[in-house]
């Protein structure tokens, strides 16, 4: 499975020196990977919002929806 191009998701940003340049929710220090790790462990969006102060529901949903839409994108032949 190809890696997602997070630069195409407006809800996230990667800034050198901020959380080691990891993709994070825009204007936060919440790594995108942490959202998916929590979901994989059985959490839902409400859990994540309760556990991590300062997150915006719309941003979290946008990240999940971006990843889901990316699964529908055909991979170019090589």
Protein backbone atom coordinates (compact mmCIF):
# COMPACT_ATOMS: atom_id res chain seq x y z
CA UNK A 1 0.00 0.00 0.00
CA UNK A 2 1.47 3.39 -0.97
CA UNK A 3 2.05 6.05 1.63
CA UNK A 4 -0.53 8.82 1.86
CA UNK A 5 0.45 12.25 0.58
CA UNK A 6 -0.53 14.20 3.70
CA UNK A 7 0.49 17.45 2.02
CA UNK A 8 -2.84 17.17 0.17
CA UNK A 9 -4.85 17.19 3.42
CA UNK A 10 -5.64 20.78 4.53
CA UNK A 11 -6.28 19.69 8.14
CA UNK A 12 -2.62 18.84 8.77
CA UNK A 13 0.81 20.42 8.60
CA UNK A 14 4.43 19.39 8.89
CA UNK A 15 6.85 22.01 10.17
CA UNK A 16 10.55 21.23 10.62
CA UNK A 17 11.38 21.42 14.32
CA UNK A 18 7.75 20.97 15.41
CA UNK A 19 7.26 17.42 16.71
CA UNK A 20 10.33 16.45 14.66
CA UNK A 21 8.59 17.41 11.42
CA UNK A 22 5.84 14.80 11.85
CA UNK A 23 2.46 15.42 10.25
CA UNK A 24 0.27 16.96 12.95
CA UNK A 25 -3.22 18.42 13.09
CA UNK A 26 -2.89 22.05 11.97
CA UNK A 27 -2.09 24.45 14.83
CA UNK A 28 -1.56 21.58 17.30
CA UNK A 29 1.19 19.19 18.31
CA UNK A 30 -1.05 16.13 17.81
CA UNK A 31 0.60 13.69 15.38
CA UNK A 32 -1.69 12.20 12.77
CA UNK A 33 -0.24 8.80 13.63
CA UNK A 34 -1.53 9.11 17.20
CA UNK A 35 -5.10 9.41 15.95
CA UNK A 36 -4.80 6.18 13.96
CA UNK A 37 -2.99 4.38 16.79
CA UNK A 38 -5.87 5.22 19.12
CA UNK A 39 -8.48 4.16 16.57
CA UNK A 40 -6.63 0.89 16.02
CA UNK A 41 -6.65 0.30 19.78
CA UNK A 42 -10.45 0.62 19.81
CA UNK A 43 -10.97 4.31 20.61
CA UNK A 44 -13.54 6.43 18.83
CA UNK A 45 -13.48 10.12 17.96
CA UNK A 46 -15.21 11.09 21.21
CA UNK A 47 -12.56 9.21 23.21
CA UNK A 48 -9.73 10.95 21.37
CA UNK A 49 -11.31 14.38 21.88
CA UNK A 50 -11.73 13.66 25.60
CA UNK A 51 -8.17 12.40 26.03
CA UNK A 52 -6.38 15.18 24.13
CA UNK A 53 -7.27 18.79 24.94
CA UNK A 54 -7.45 21.33 22.16
CA UNK A 55 -8.43 19.05 19.32
CA UNK A 56 -11.14 20.02 16.90
CA UNK A 57 -13.68 17.34 15.91
CA UNK A 58 -13.75 18.60 12.32
CA UNK A 59 -9.97 18.27 11.99
CA UNK A 60 -9.97 14.72 13.35
CA UNK A 61 -12.82 13.76 11.02
CA UNK A 62 -11.05 15.42 8.06
CA UNK A 63 -7.92 13.33 8.68
CA UNK A 64 -9.91 10.10 8.88
CA UNK A 65 -11.95 10.98 5.78
CA UNK A 66 -8.79 11.91 3.85
CA UNK A 67 -7.28 8.52 4.65
CA UNK A 68 -10.51 6.75 3.68
CA UNK A 69 -10.76 8.62 0.36
CA UNK A 70 -7.14 7.78 -0.37
CA UNK A 71 -8.05 4.10 -0.29
CA UNK A 72 -10.38 4.70 -3.24
CA UNK A 73 -7.68 6.38 -5.35
CA UNK A 74 -6.31 4.03 -8.02
CA UNK A 75 -2.57 3.44 -7.92
CA UNK A 76 -0.78 4.38 -11.15
CA UNK A 77 0.83 1.50 -13.02
CA UNK A 78 4.59 1.43 -13.14
